[in-house]
Protein backbone atom coordinates (compact mmCIF):
# COMPACT_ATOMS: atom_id res chain seq x y z
CA MET A 1 -87.12 -22.56 -10.02
CA ALA A 2 -84.69 -20.94 -7.30
CA ASN A 3 -83.08 -22.55 -5.06
CA PRO A 4 -85.22 -23.42 -2.05
CA TRP A 5 -82.10 -22.99 0.45
CA LEU A 6 -81.46 -19.72 -1.16
CA ASN A 7 -84.61 -18.05 -0.38
CA HIS A 8 -85.20 -19.27 2.91
CA VAL A 9 -81.98 -17.29 3.46
CA LYS A 10 -83.66 -14.45 1.74
CA GLU A 11 -86.54 -14.60 4.07
CA THR A 12 -84.47 -15.00 7.14
CA MET A 13 -82.90 -11.78 6.34
CA LYS A 14 -86.10 -9.93 5.62
CA LYS A 15 -87.19 -11.27 9.52
CA HIS A 16 -83.53 -9.74 10.79
CA PRO A 17 -82.50 -7.13 8.62
CA ASN A 18 -79.38 -6.22 11.22
CA MET A 19 -77.67 -9.53 12.22
CA LYS A 20 -74.95 -10.15 10.45
CA PHE A 21 -75.17 -12.72 7.61
CA LYS A 22 -72.76 -15.30 9.40
CA ASP A 23 -75.54 -15.04 12.03
CA VAL A 24 -78.74 -15.36 9.70
CA LEU A 25 -77.23 -18.67 8.15
CA LYS A 26 -77.04 -19.94 11.49
CA GLU A 27 -80.78 -19.52 12.02
CA ALA A 28 -82.25 -20.54 8.86
CA LYS A 29 -80.37 -23.51 9.25
CA LYS A 30 -82.44 -24.15 12.77
CA THR A 31 -85.51 -23.08 10.51
CA TYR A 32 -85.19 -24.99 7.36
CA LYS A 33 -86.95 -27.79 6.68
CA LYS A 34 -85.53 -30.04 3.20
CA LYS A 35 -88.77 -31.36 1.09
CA GLY A 36 -88.97 -34.23 -0.85
CA GLY A 37 -87.26 -35.91 1.54
CA GLU A 38 -89.16 -39.54 0.71
CA LYS A 39 -88.20 -39.89 -2.73
CA LYS A 40 -84.73 -39.54 -1.86
CA ASN A 41 -84.62 -42.00 1.06
CA ASP A 42 -86.13 -44.52 -1.44
CA ASP A 43 -83.66 -43.87 -3.99
CA LYS A 44 -80.80 -44.53 -1.38
CA LYS A 45 -82.53 -48.03 -0.14
CA GLU A 46 -82.12 -49.87 -4.18
CA ASN A 47 -78.46 -48.26 -4.26
CA ASP A 48 -77.37 -49.87 -0.92
CA ASN A 49 -79.30 -52.92 -2.31
CA ASN A 50 -76.98 -52.82 -5.38
CA ASN A 51 -73.55 -51.93 -3.73
CA GLN A 52 -72.58 -55.54 -2.29
CA ASP A 53 -69.53 -53.55 0.17
CA GLY A 54 -72.36 -51.87 1.61
CA GLY A 55 -71.25 -48.31 -0.29
CA LYS A 56 -68.00 -47.61 2.20
CA LYS A 57 -64.67 -47.56 -0.50
CA LYS A 58 -62.29 -49.37 -0.14
CA ARG A 59 -58.62 -47.22 0.14
CA THR A 60 -56.23 -47.51 -2.23
CA THR A 61 -52.28 -47.29 -1.69
CA ARG A 62 -49.78 -45.45 -4.20
CA LYS A 63 -46.90 -47.10 -5.20
CA ARG A 64 -43.68 -44.31 -5.18
CA SER A 65 -42.75 -43.26 -8.49
CA SER A 66 -39.51 -44.73 -9.71
CA SER A 67 -37.84 -40.83 -10.45
CA LYS A 68 -38.06 -40.14 -7.23
CA LYS A 69 -34.62 -41.49 -5.20
CA LYS A 70 -35.17 -42.82 -1.59
CA ARG A 71 -33.59 -41.11 1.49
CA THR A 72 -30.26 -42.65 2.41
CA SER A 73 -29.24 -42.30 6.02
CA ARG A 74 -25.57 -40.88 6.45
CA LYS A 75 -23.09 -42.08 9.64
């Protein structure tokens, strides 16, 4: 099965043959309707219930490697 977005872009290109590709993509973005969105929303709800931290990833900091020397200022 072909990608629905690409099919939509090709149809938009046929409707606007003299338009630049960049502008065709902008036009296609305005008129594209994603199909099957209800199923994805249900999956998202299940994943949200499983995540205790609200789906946010914790940031971690890396320690400076021991092979690099620390800079010292000269006086």
